[in-house]
């Protein structure tokens, strides 16, 4: 189990960074300038993108020895990132985050 916990490190780092940036926005949203708010929101999108990529790498390691499509976990189910459904879900999540990031950057 210790090796699995070590592989979860990047996901947890991005999660803590996400929570930190979210709290900054929640507390200081009226004090921040629109440009500062835009920078922090871009950071939030990048941390979510980092969590998705780190989670993909972690799940790829978990499914390295099996050909199962899903695996039940304590709080849900994992989808094999090597399957067609897994690739579609990961690609869709990345596209949505990149589209959100571009919308934040190019918003007036």
PDB file of N, CA and C in Angstrom:
ATOM      1  N   UNK A   1       0.796  -1.196   0.000  1.00  0.00           N
ATOM      2  CA  UNK A   1       0.000   0.000   0.000  1.00  0.00           C
ATOM      3  C   UNK A   1       0.843   1.267   0.000  1.00  0.00           C
ATOM      4  N   UNK A   2       2.042   1.200   0.533  1.00  0.00           N
ATOM      5  CA  UNK A   2       2.868   2.399   0.583  1.00  0.00           C
ATOM      6  C   UNK A   2       3.246   2.869  -0.812  1.00  0.00           C
ATOM      7  N   UNK A   3       3.433   1.950  -1.749  1.00  0.00           N
ATOM      8  CA  UNK A   3       3.773   2.382  -3.103  1.00  0.00           C
ATOM      9  C   UNK A   3       2.590   3.083  -3.754  1.00  0.00           C
ATOM     10  N   UNK A   4       1.357   2.632  -3.478  1.00  0.00           N
ATOM     11  CA  UNK A   4       0.189   3.312  -4.016  1.00  0.00           C
ATOM     12  C   UNK A   4       0.038   4.699  -3.420  1.00  0.00           C
ATOM     13  N   UNK A   5       0.336   4.846  -2.132  1.00  0.00           N
ATOM     14  CA  UNK A   5       0.233   6.151  -1.508  1.00  0.00           C
ATOM     15  C   UNK A   5       1.287   7.098  -2.058  1.00  0.00           C
ATOM     16  N   UNK A   6       2.474   6.595  -2.394  1.00  0.00           N
ATOM     17  CA  UNK A   6       3.502   7.450  -2.973  1.00  0.00           C
ATOM     18  C   UNK A   6       3.094   7.929  -4.355  1.00  0.00           C
ATOM     19  N   UNK A   7       2.382   7.115  -5.106  1.00  0.00           N
ATOM     20  CA  UNK A   7       1.953   7.502  -6.444  1.00  0.00           C
ATOM     21  C   UNK A   7       0.806   8.500  -6.402  1.00  0.00           C
ATOM     22  N   UNK A   8       0.104   8.587  -5.281  1.00  0.00           N
ATOM     23  CA  UNK A   8      -0.983   9.557  -5.145  1.00  0.00           C
ATOM     24  C   UNK A   8      -0.473  10.943  -4.780  1.00  0.00           C
ATOM     25  N   UNK A   9       0.798  11.078  -4.531  1.00  0.00           N
ATOM     26  CA  UNK A   9       1.376  12.347  -4.104  1.00  0.00           C
ATOM     27  C   UNK A   9       1.077  13.515  -5.017  1.00  0.00           C
ATOM     28  N   UNK A  10       1.307  13.394  -6.336  1.00  0.00           N
ATOM     29  CA  UNK A  10       1.010  14.536  -7.213  1.00  0.00           C
ATOM     30  C   UNK A  10      -0.466  14.933  -7.209  1.00  0.00           C
ATOM     31  N   UNK A  11      -1.361  13.968  -7.120  1.00  0.00           N
ATOM     32  CA  UNK A  11      -2.788  14.287  -7.077  1.00  0.00           C
ATOM     33  C   UNK A  11      -3.100  15.087  -5.817  1.00  0.00           C
ATOM     34  N   UNK A  12      -2.523  14.681  -4.699  1.00  0.00           N
ATOM     35  CA  UNK A  12      -2.782  15.383  -3.446  1.00  0.00           C
ATOM     36  C   UNK A  12      -2.164  16.779  -3.436  1.00  0.00           C
ATOM     37  N   UNK A  13      -1.005  16.921  -4.055  1.00  0.00           N
ATOM     38  CA  UNK A  13      -0.381  18.243  -4.141  1.00  0.00           C
ATOM     39  C   UNK A  13      -1.259  19.190  -4.952  1.00  0.00           C
ATOM     40  N   UNK A  14      -1.764  18.716  -6.103  1.00  0.00           N
ATOM     41  CA  UNK A  14      -2.654  19.557  -6.912  1.00  0.00           C
ATOM     42  C   UNK A  14      -3.958  19.843  -6.181  1.00  0.00           C
ATOM     43  N   UNK A  15      -4.448  18.886  -5.403  1.00  0.00           N
ATOM     44  CA  UNK A  15      -5.679  19.097  -4.647  1.00  0.00           C
ATOM     45  C   UNK A  15      -5.492  20.172  -3.584  1.00  0.00           C
ATOM     46  N   UNK A  16      -4.390  20.130  -2.862  1.00  0.00           N
ATOM     47  CA  UNK A  16      -4.123  21.151  -1.848  1.00  0.00           C
ATOM     48  C   UNK A  16      -3.953  22.522  -2.498  1.00  0.00           C
ATOM     49  N   UNK A  17      -3.269  22.579  -3.621  1.00  0.00           N
ATOM     50  CA  UNK A  17      -3.111  23.843  -4.342  1.00  0.00           C
ATOM     51  C   UNK A  17      -4.456  24.373  -4.826  1.00  0.00           C
ATOM     52  N   UNK A  18      -5.316  23.481  -5.315  1.00  0.00           N
ATOM     53  CA  UNK A  18      -6.651  23.874  -5.755  1.00  0.00           C
ATOM     54  C   UNK A  18      -7.450  24.457  -4.601  1.00  0.00           C
ATOM     55  N   UNK A  19      -7.430  23.787  -3.456  1.00  0.00           N
ATOM     56  CA  UNK A  19      -8.180  24.274  -2.293  1.00  0.00           C
ATOM     57  C   UNK A  19      -7.639  25.626  -1.834  1.00  0.00           C
ATOM     58  N   UNK A  20      -6.315  25.795  -1.848  1.00  0.00           N
ATOM     59  CA  UNK A  20      -5.710  27.068  -1.465  1.00  0.00           C
ATOM     60  C   UNK A  20      -6.157  28.196  -2.394  1.00  0.00           C
ATOM     61  N   UNK A  21      -6.099  27.961  -3.703  1.00  0.00           N
ATOM     62  CA  UNK A  21      -6.512  28.995  -4.655  1.00  0.00           C
ATOM     63  C   UNK A  21      -8.011  29.272  -4.563  1.00  0.00           C
ATOM     64  N   UNK A  22      -8.795  28.237  -4.350  1.00  0.00           N
ATOM     65  CA  UNK A  22     -10.234  28.422  -4.213  1.00  0.00           C
ATOM     66  C   UNK A  22     -10.571  29.265  -2.991  1.00  0.00           C
ATOM     67  N   UNK A  23      -9.864  29.015  -1.881  1.00  0.00           N
ATOM     68  CA  UNK A  23     -10.102  29.812  -0.686  1.00  0.00           C
ATOM     69  C   UNK A  23      -9.691  31.269  -0.884  1.00  0.00           C
ATOM     70  N   UNK A  24      -8.619  31.498  -1.627  1.00  0.00           N
ATOM     71  CA  UNK A  24      -8.213  32.873  -1.924  1.00  0.00           C
ATOM     72  C   UNK A  24      -9.315  33.592  -2.691  1.00  0.00           C
ATOM     73  N   UNK A  25      -9.874  32.922  -3.690  1.00  0.00           N
ATOM     74  CA  UNK A  25     -10.947  33.533  -4.476  1.00  0.00           C
ATOM     75  C   UNK A  25     -12.178  33.754  -3.608  1.00  0.00           C
ATOM     76  N   UNK A  26     -12.517  32.790  -2.768  1.00  0.00           N
ATOM     77  CA  UNK A  26     -13.712  32.914  -1.923  1.00  0.00           C
ATOM     78  C   UNK A  26     -13.595  34.051  -0.920  1.00  0.00           C
ATOM     79  N   UNK A  27     -12.416  34.249  -0.362  1.00  0.00           N
ATOM     80  CA  UNK A  27     -12.242  35.273   0.669  1.00  0.00           C
ATOM     81  C   UNK A  27     -11.987  36.649   0.065  1.00  0.00           C
ATOM     82  N   UNK A  28     -11.178  36.709  -0.988  1.00  0.00           N
ATOM     83  CA  UNK A  28     -10.737  37.999  -1.511  1.00  0.00           C
ATOM     84  C   UNK A  28     -11.366  38.389  -2.849  1.00  0.00           C
ATOM     85  N   UNK A  29     -12.507  37.838  -3.201  1.00  0.00           N
ATOM     86  CA  UNK A  29     -13.059  38.106  -4.531  1.00  0.00           C
ATOM     87  C   UNK A  29     -13.455  39.563  -4.734  1.00  0.00           C
ATOM     88  N   UNK A  30     -13.846  40.255  -3.676  1.00  0.00           N
ATOM     89  CA  UNK A  30     -14.227  41.656  -3.823  1.00  0.00           C
ATOM     90  C   UNK A  30     -13.028  42.585  -3.773  1.00  0.00           C
ATOM     91  N   UNK A  31     -11.913  42.116  -3.238  1.00  0.00           N
ATOM     92  CA  UNK A  31     -10.714  42.932  -3.112  1.00  0.00           C
ATOM     93  C   UNK A  31      -9.850  42.812  -4.369  1.00  0.00           C
ATOM     94  N   UNK A  32      -9.855  41.659  -4.996  1.00  0.00           N
ATOM     95  CA  UNK A  32      -8.985  41.423  -6.160  1.00  0.00           C
ATOM     96  C   UNK A  32      -9.455  42.203  -7.374  1.00  0.00           C
ATOM     97  N   UNK A  33      -8.498  42.610  -8.176  1.00  0.00           N
ATOM     98  CA  UNK A  33      -8.821  43.244  -9.443  1.00  0.00           C
ATOM     99  C   UNK A  33      -9.289  42.171 -10.424  1.00  0.00           C
ATOM    100  N   UNK A  34      -9.975  42.567 -11.497  1.00  0.00           N
ATOM    101  CA  UNK A  34     -10.399  41.562 -12.482  1.00  0.00           C
ATOM    102  C   UNK A  34      -9.223  40.790 -13.080  1.00  0.00           C
ATOM    103  N   UNK A  35      -8.097  41.452 -13.276  1.00  0.00           N
ATOM    104  CA  UNK A  35      -6.925  40.759 -13.815  1.00  0.00           C
ATOM    105  C   UNK A  35      -6.372  39.755 -12.810  1.00  0.00           C
ATOM    106  N   UNK A  36      -6.300  40.145 -11.536  1.00  0.00           N
ATOM    107  CA  UNK A  36      -5.827  39.224 -10.495  1.00  0.00           C
ATOM    108  C   UNK A  36      -6.746  38.031 -10.340  1.00  0.00           C
ATOM    109  N   UNK A  37      -8.048  38.278 -10.429  1.00  0.00           N
ATOM    110  CA  UNK A  37      -9.011  37.190 -10.359  1.00  0.00           C
ATOM    111  C   UNK A  37      -8.867  36.254 -11.548  1.00  0.00           C
ATOM    112  N   UNK A  38      -8.607  36.830 -12.716  1.00  0.00           N
ATOM    113  CA  UNK A  38      -8.415  36.012 -13.917  1.00  0.00           C
ATOM    114  C   UNK A  38      -7.170  35.131 -13.785  1.00  0.00           C
ATOM    115  N   UNK A  39      -6.103  35.678 -13.216  1.00  0.00           N
ATOM    116  CA  UNK A  39      -4.876  34.903 -13.016  1.00  0.00           C
ATOM    117  C   UNK A  39      -5.121  33.737 -12.052  1.00  0.00           C
ATOM    118  N   UNK A  40      -5.832  34.006 -10.953  1.00  0.00           N
ATOM    119  CA  UNK A  40      -6.109  32.943  -9.990  1.00  0.00           C
ATOM    120  C   UNK A  40      -7.033  31.891 -10.593  1.00  0.00           C
ATOM    121  N   UNK A  41      -8.028  32.293 -11.367  1.00  0.00           N
ATOM    122  CA  UNK A  41      -8.908  31.321 -12.014  1.00  0.00           C
ATOM    123  C   UNK A  41      -8.159  30.478 -13.041  1.00  0.00           C
ATOM    124  N   UNK A  42      -7.200  31.072 -13.733  1.00  0.00           N
ATOM    125  CA  UNK A  42      -6.357  30.280 -14.647  1.00  0.00           C
ATOM    126  C   UNK A  42      -5.526  29.267 -13.853  1.00  0.00           C
ATOM    127  N   UNK A  43      -5.036  29.671 -12.688  1.00  0.00           N
ATOM    128  CA  UNK A  43      -4.308  28.742 -11.825  1.00  0.00           C
ATOM    129  C   UNK A  43      -5.182  27.600 -11.351  1.00  0.00           C
ATOM    130  N   UNK A  44      -6.450  27.897 -11.044  1.00  0.00           N
ATOM    131  CA  UNK A  44      -7.378  26.845 -10.637  1.00  0.00           C
ATOM    132  C   UNK A  44      -7.598  25.858 -11.781  1.00  0.00           C
ATOM    133  N   UNK A  45      -7.776  26.362 -12.998  1.00  0.00           N
ATOM    134  CA  UNK A  45      -7.955  25.474 -14.155  1.00  0.00           C
ATOM    135  C   UNK A  45      -6.710  24.615 -14.380  1.00  0.00           C
ATOM    136  N   UNK A  46      -5.548  25.207 -14.217  1.00  0.00           N
ATOM    137  CA  UNK A  46      -4.318  24.431 -14.411  1.00  0.00           C
ATOM    138  C   UNK A  46      -4.133  23.375 -13.328  1.00  0.00           C
ATOM    139  N   UNK A  47      -4.553  23.668 -12.090  1.00  0.00           N
ATOM    140  CA  UNK A  47      -4.455  22.649 -11.053  1.00  0.00           C
ATOM    141  C   UNK A  47      -5.435  21.508 -11.305  1.00  0.00           C
ATOM    142  N   UNK A  48      -6.619  21.817 -11.810  1.00  0.00           N
ATOM    143  CA  UNK A  48      -7.571  20.758 -12.161  1.00  0.00           C
ATOM    144  C   UNK A  48      -7.006  19.912 -13.288  1.00  0.00           C
ATOM    145  N   UNK A  49      -6.397  20.549 -14.275  1.00  0.00           N
ATOM    146  CA  UNK A  49      -5.768  19.809 -15.371  1.00  0.00           C
ATOM    147  C   UNK A  49      -4.639  18.920 -14.841  1.00  0.00           C
ATOM    148  N   UNK A  50      -3.868  19.428 -13.905  1.00  0.00           N
ATOM    149  CA  UNK A  50      -2.810  18.628 -13.285  1.00  0.00           C
ATOM    150  C   UNK A  50      -3.367  17.440 -12.526  1.00  0.00           C
ATOM    151  N   UNK A  51      -4.501  17.639 -11.827  1.00  0.00           N
ATOM    152  CA  UNK A  51      -5.131  16.522 -11.121  1.00  0.00           C
ATOM    153  C   UNK A  51      -5.616  15.456 -12.092  1.00  0.00           C
ATOM    154  N   UNK A  52      -6.164  15.872 -13.220  1.00  0.00           N
ATOM    155  CA  UNK A  52      -6.645  14.907 -14.209  1.00  0.00           C
ATOM    156  C   UNK A  52      -5.481  14.092 -14.770  1.00  0.00           C
ATOM    157  N   UNK A  53      -4.395  14.763 -15.115  1.00  0.00           N
ATOM    158  CA  UNK A  53      -3.245  14.058 -15.688  1.00  0.00           C
ATOM    159  C   UNK A  53      -2.589  13.146 -14.652  1.00  0.00           C
ATOM    160  N   UNK A  54      -2.429  13.628 -13.426  1.00  0.00           N
ATOM    161  CA  UNK A  54      -1.839  12.784 -12.380  1.00  0.00           C
ATOM    162  C   UNK A  54      -2.753  11.604 -12.051  1.00  0.00           C
ATOM    163  N   UNK A  55      -4.054  11.828 -12.036  1.00  0.00           N
ATOM    164  CA  UNK A  55      -4.998  10.738 -11.809  1.00  0.00           C
ATOM    165  C   UNK A  55      -4.973   9.717 -12.928  1.00  0.00           C
ATOM    166  N   UNK A  56      -4.798  10.186 -14.159  1.00  0.00           N
ATOM    167  CA  UNK A  56      -4.682   9.274 -15.305  1.00  0.00           C
ATOM    168  C   UNK A  56      -3.454   8.373 -15.154  1.00  0.00           C
ATOM    169  N   UNK A  57      -2.341   8.974 -14.782  1.00  0.00           N
ATOM    170  CA  UNK A  57      -1.115   8.178 -14.584  1.00  0.00           C
ATOM    171  C   UNK A  57      -1.268   7.187 -13.444  1.00  0.00           C
ATOM    172  N   UNK A  58      -1.937   7.598 -12.368  1.00  0.00           N
ATOM    173  CA  UNK A  58      -2.142   6.701 -11.242  1.00  0.00           C
ATOM    174  C   UNK A  58      -3.037   5.526 -11.646  1.00  0.00           C
ATOM    175  N   UNK A  59      -4.133   5.805 -12.331  1.00  0.00           N
ATOM    176  CA  UNK A  59      -5.038   4.730 -12.744  1.00  0.00           C
ATOM    177  C   UNK A  59      -4.395   3.825 -13.784  1.00  0.00           C
ATOM    178  N   UNK A  60      -3.553   4.368 -14.626  1.00  0.00           N
ATOM    179  CA  UNK A  60      -2.844   3.533 -15.606  1.00  0.00           C
ATOM    180  C   UNK A  60      -1.958   2.521 -14.892  1.00  0.00           C
ATOM    181  N   UNK A  61      -1.325   2.933 -13.796  1.00  0.00           N
ATOM    182  CA  UNK A  61      -0.521   2.011 -12.994  1.00  0.00           C
ATOM    183  C   UNK A  61      -1.398   0.968 -12.305  1.00  0.00           C
ATOM    184  N   UNK A  62      -2.573   1.372 -11.840  1.00  0.00           N
ATOM    185  CA  UNK A  62      -3.459   0.450 -11.153  1.00  0.00           C
ATOM    186  C   UNK A  62      -3.991  -0.638 -12.083  1.00  0.00           C
ATOM    187  N   UNK A  63      -4.234  -0.296 -13.345  1.00  0.00           N
ATOM    188  CA  UNK A  63      -4.779  -1.237 -14.310  1.00  0.00           C
ATOM    189  C   UNK A  63      -3.698  -1.856 -15.193  1.00  0.00           C
ATOM    190  N   UNK A  64      -2.443  -1.773 -14.808  1.00  0.00           N
ATOM    191  CA  UNK A  64      -1.363  -2.262 -15.665  1.00  0.00           C
ATOM    192  C   UNK A  64      -1.382  -3.779 -15.827  1.00  0.00           C
ATOM    193  N   UNK A  65      -1.884  -4.502 -14.841  1.00  0.00           N
ATOM    194  CA  UNK A  65      -1.859  -5.964 -14.907  1.00  0.00           C
ATOM    195  C   UNK A  65      -3.186  -6.591 -15.306  1.00  0.00           C
ATOM    196  N   UNK A  66      -4.245  -5.798 -15.457  1.00  0.00           N
ATOM    197  CA  UNK A  66      -5.556  -6.360 -15.769  1.00  0.00           C
ATOM    198  C   UNK A  66      -6.118  -5.737 -17.032  1.00  0.00           C
ATOM    199  N   UNK A  67      -7.104  -6.422 -17.601  1.00  0.00           N
ATOM    200  CA  UNK A  67      -7.819  -5.901 -18.760  1.00  0.00           C
ATOM    201  C   UNK A  67      -9.252  -5.520 -18.409  1.00  0.00           C
ATOM    202  N   UNK A  68      -9.560  -5.417 -17.119  1.00  0.00           N
ATOM    203  CA  UNK A  68     -10.904  -5.043 -16.689  1.00  0.00           C
ATOM    204  C   UNK A  68     -11.216  -3.627 -17.147  1.00  0.00           C
ATOM    205  N   UNK A  69     -12.489  -3.365 -17.386  1.00  0.00           N
ATOM    206  CA  UNK A  69     -12.886  -2.013 -17.777  1.00  0.00           C
ATOM    207  C   UNK A  69     -13.040  -1.128 -16.548  1.00  0.00           C
ATOM    208  N   UNK A  70     -13.604  -1.687 -15.478  1.00  0.00           N
ATOM    209  CA  UNK A  70     -13.780  -0.909 -14.254  1.00  0.00           C
ATOM    210  C   UNK A  70     -13.298  -1.716 -13.058  1.00  0.00           C
ATOM    211  N   UNK A  71     -13.100  -1.003 -11.970  1.00  0.00           N
ATOM    212  CA  UNK A  71     -12.738  -1.628 -10.694  1.00  0.00           C
ATOM    213  C   UNK A  71     -13.490  -0.872  -9.607  1.00  0.00           C
ATOM    214  N   UNK A  72     -14.202  -1.616  -8.759  1.00  0.00           N
ATOM    215  CA  UNK A  72     -14.935  -0.984  -7.671  1.00  0.00           C
ATOM    216  C   UNK A  72     -13.965  -0.529  -6.592  1.00  0.00           C
ATOM    217  N   UNK A  73     -14.246   0.652  -6.054  1.00  0.00           N
ATOM    218  CA  UNK A  73     -13.436   1.205  -4.978  1.00  0.00           C
ATOM    219  C   UNK A  73     -14.348   1.554  -3.821  1.00  0.00           C
ATOM    220  N   UNK A  74     -13.797   2.089  -2.776  1.00  0.00           N
ATOM    221  CA  UNK A  74     -14.587   2.420  -1.591  1.00  0.00           C
ATOM    222  C   UNK A  74     -15.620   3.497  -1.888  1.00  0.00           C
ATOM    223  N   UNK A  75     -15.221   4.534  -2.569  1.00  0.00           N
ATOM    224  CA  UNK A  75     -16.134   5.651  -2.839  1.00  0.00           C
ATOM    225  C   UNK A  75     -16.482   5.784  -4.317  1.00  0.00           C
ATOM    226  N   UNK A  76     -16.587   4.698  -5.034  1.00  0.00           N
ATOM    227  CA  UNK A  76     -16.955   4.780  -6.435  1.00  0.00           C
ATOM    228  C   UNK A  76     -16.321   3.678  -7.248  1.00  0.00           C
ATOM    229  N   UNK A  77     -16.082   3.995  -8.509  1.00  0.00           N
ATOM    230  CA  UNK A  77     -15.486   3.017  -9.412  1.00  0.00           C
ATOM    231  C   UNK A  77     -14.396   3.689 -10.228  1.00  0.00           C
ATOM    232  N   UNK A  78     -13.356   2.941 -10.536  1.00  0.00           N
ATOM    233  CA  UNK A  78     -12.284   3.416 -11.403  1.00  0.00           C
ATOM    234  C   UNK A  78     -12.520   2.884 -12.807  1.00  0.00           C
ATOM    235  N   UNK A  79     -12.244   3.695 -13.789  1.00  0.00           N
ATOM    236  CA  UNK A  79     -12.376   3.270 -15.184  1.00  0.00           C
ATOM    237  C   UNK A  79     -10.978   3.098 -15.739  1.00  0.00           C
ATOM    238  N   UNK A  80     -10.780   1.997 -16.444  1.00  0.00           N
ATOM    239  CA  UNK A  80      -9.478   1.703 -17.038  1.00  0.00           C
ATOM    240  C   UNK A  80      -9.149   2.768 -18.084  1.00  0.00           C
ATOM    241  N   UNK A  81      -8.061   3.526 -17.908  1.00  0.00           N
ATOM    242  CA  UNK A  81      -7.733   4.579 -18.871  1.00  0.00           C
ATOM    243  C   UNK A  81      -7.249   4.044 -20.217  1.00  0.00           C
ATOM    244  N   UNK A  82      -6.943   2.742 -20.281  1.00  0.00           N
ATOM    245  CA  UNK A  82      -6.518   2.156 -21.555  1.00  0.00           C
ATOM    246  C   UNK A  82      -7.700   1.699 -22.398  1.00  0.00           C
ATOM    247  N   UNK A  83      -8.905   1.619 -21.813  1.00  0.00           N
ATOM    248  CA  UNK A  83     -10.084   1.214 -22.572  1.00  0.00           C
ATOM    249  C   UNK A  83     -10.615   2.397 -23.376  1.00  0.00           C
ATOM    250  N   UNK A  84     -11.497   2.133 -24.294  1.00  0.00           N
ATOM    251  CA  UNK A  84     -12.057   3.189 -25.147  1.00  0.00           C
ATOM    252  C   UNK A  84     -12.865   4.171 -24.300  1.00  0.00           C
ATOM    253  N   UNK A  85     -13.652   3.647 -23.357  1.00  0.00           N
ATOM    254  CA  UNK A  85     -14.455   4.519 -22.496  1.00  0.00           C
ATOM    255  C   UNK A  85     -13.555   5.402 -21.626  1.00  0.00           C
ATOM    256  N   UNK A  86     -12.495   4.832 -21.097  1.00  0.00           N
ATOM    257  CA  UNK A  86     -11.568   5.604 -20.272  1.00  0.00           C
ATOM    258  C   UNK A  86     -10.876   6.700 -21.055  1.00  0.00           C
ATOM    259  N   UNK A  87     -10.424   6.361 -22.266  1.00  0.00           N
ATOM    260  CA  UNK A  87      -9.776   7.377 -23.107  1.00  0.00           C
ATOM    261  C   UNK A  87     -10.743   8.490 -23.462  1.00  0.00           C
ATOM    262  N   UNK A  88     -11.999   8.126 -23.741  1.00  0.00           N
ATOM    263  CA  UNK A  88     -12.999   9.134 -24.085  1.00  0.00           C
ATOM    264  C   UNK A  88     -13.273  10.066 -22.909  1.00  0.00           C
ATOM    265  N   UNK A  89     -13.419   9.499 -21.725  1.00  0.00           N
ATOM    266  CA  UNK A  89     -13.714  10.316 -20.540  1.00  0.00           C
ATOM    267  C   UNK A  89     -12.545  11.230 -20.198  1.00  0.00           C
ATOM    268  N   UNK A  90     -11.331  10.723 -20.260  1.00  0.00           N
ATOM    269  CA  UNK A  90     -10.151  11.549 -19.969  1.00  0.00           C
ATOM    270  C   UNK A  90     -10.012  12.659 -21.011  1.00  0.00           C
ATOM    271  N   UNK A  91     -10.177  12.310 -22.284  1.00  0.00           N
ATOM    272  CA  UNK A  91     -10.069  13.320 -23.343  1.00  0.00           C
ATOM    273  C   UNK A  91     -11.150  14.382 -23.198  1.00  0.00           C
ATOM    274  N   UNK A  92     -12.368  13.978 -22.865  1.00  0.00           N
ATOM    275  CA  UNK A  92     -13.454  14.933 -22.681  1.00  0.00           C
ATOM    276  C   UNK A  92     -13.187  15.863 -21.501  1.00  0.00           C
ATOM    277  N   UNK A  93     -12.669  15.318 -20.413  1.00  0.00           N
ATOM    278  CA  UNK A  93     -12.349  16.146 -19.244  1.00  0.00           C
ATOM    279  C   UNK A  93     -11.253  17.159 -19.572  1.00  0.00           C
ATOM    280  N   UNK A  94     -10.235  16.723 -20.290  1.00  0.00           N
ATOM    281  CA  UNK A  94      -9.148  17.634 -20.663  1.00  0.00           C
ATOM    282  C   UNK A  94      -9.646  18.716 -21.609  1.00  0.00           C
ATOM    283  N   UNK A  95     -10.500  18.355 -22.563  1.00  0.00           N
ATOM    284  CA  UNK A  95     -11.042  19.348 -23.497  1.00  0.00           C
ATOM    285  C   UNK A  95     -11.894  20.372 -22.768  1.00  0.00           C
ATOM    286  N   UNK A  96     -12.698  19.930 -21.817  1.00  0.00           N
ATOM    287  CA  UNK A  96     -13.546  20.863 -21.061  1.00  0.00           C
ATOM    288  C   UNK A  96     -12.693  21.829 -20.241  1.00  0.00           C
ATOM    289  N   UNK A  97     -11.645  21.338 -19.604  1.00  0.00           N
ATOM    290  CA  UNK A  97     -10.785  22.210 -18.798  1.00  0.00           C
ATOM    291  C   UNK A  97     -10.035  23.201 -19.688  1.00  0.00           C
ATOM    292  N   UNK A  98      -9.539  22.745 -20.826  1.00  0.00           N
ATOM    293  CA  UNK A  98      -8.828  23.656 -21.737  1.00  0.00           C
ATOM    294  C   UNK A  98      -9.781  24.697 -22.304  1.00  0.00           C
ATOM    295  N   UNK A  99     -11.009  24.300 -22.626  1.00  0.00           N
ATOM    296  CA  UNK A  99     -12.002  25.263 -23.111  1.00  0.00           C
ATOM    297  C   UNK A  99     -12.339  26.294 -22.034  1.00  0.00           C
ATOM    298  N   UNK A 100     -12.447  25.849 -20.784  1.00  0.00           N
ATOM    299  CA  UNK A 100     -12.695  26.778 -19.682  1.00  0.00           C
ATOM    300  C   UNK A 100     -11.529  27.743 -19.506  1.00  0.00           C
ATOM    301  N   UNK A 101     -10.314  27.212 -19.615  1.00  0.00           N
ATOM    302  CA  UNK A 101      -9.124  28.055 -19.490  1.00  0.00           C
ATOM    303  C   UNK A 101      -9.088  29.107 -20.593  1.00  0.00           C
ATOM    304  N   UNK A 102      -9.383  28.707 -21.817  1.00  0.00           N
ATOM    305  CA  UNK A 102      -9.415  29.676 -22.913  1.00  0.00           C
ATOM    306  C   UNK A 102     -10.532  30.696 -22.751  1.00  0.00           C
ATOM    307  N   UNK A 103     -11.675  30.269 -22.240  1.00  0.00           N
ATOM    308  CA  UNK A 103     -12.770  31.209 -22.004  1.00  0.00           C
ATOM    309  C   UNK A 103     -12.391  32.237 -20.941  1.00  0.00           C
ATOM    310  N   UNK A 104     -11.674  31.811 -19.920  1.00  0.00           N
ATOM    311  CA  UNK A 104     -11.229  32.742 -18.881  1.00  0.00           C
ATOM    312  C   UNK A 104     -10.202  33.717 -19.448  1.00  0.00           C
ATOM    313  N   UNK A 105      -9.280  33.202 -20.240  1.00  0.00           N
ATOM    314  CA  UNK A 105      -8.214  34.061 -20.784  1.00  0.00           C
ATOM    315  C   UNK A 105      -8.783  35.099 -21.738  1.00  0.00           C
ATOM    316  N   UNK A 106      -9.675  34.689 -22.619  1.00  0.00           N
ATOM    317  CA  UNK A 106     -10.151  35.604 -23.656  1.00  0.00           C
ATOM    318  C   UNK A 106     -11.454  36.333 -23.298  1.00  0.00           C
ATOM    319  N   UNK A 107     -11.945  36.186 -22.074  1.00  0.00           N
ATOM    320  CA  UNK A 107     -13.135  36.905 -21.645  1.00  0.00           C
ATOM    321  C   UNK A 107     -12.791  38.382 -21.441  1.00  0.00           C
ATOM    322  N   UNK A 108     -13.733  39.229 -21.697  1.00  0.00           N
ATOM    323  CA  UNK A 108     -13.470  40.669 -21.543  1.00  0.00           C
ATOM    324  C   UNK A 108     -13.764  41.159 -20.161  1.00  0.00           C
TER     325      UNK A 108
END
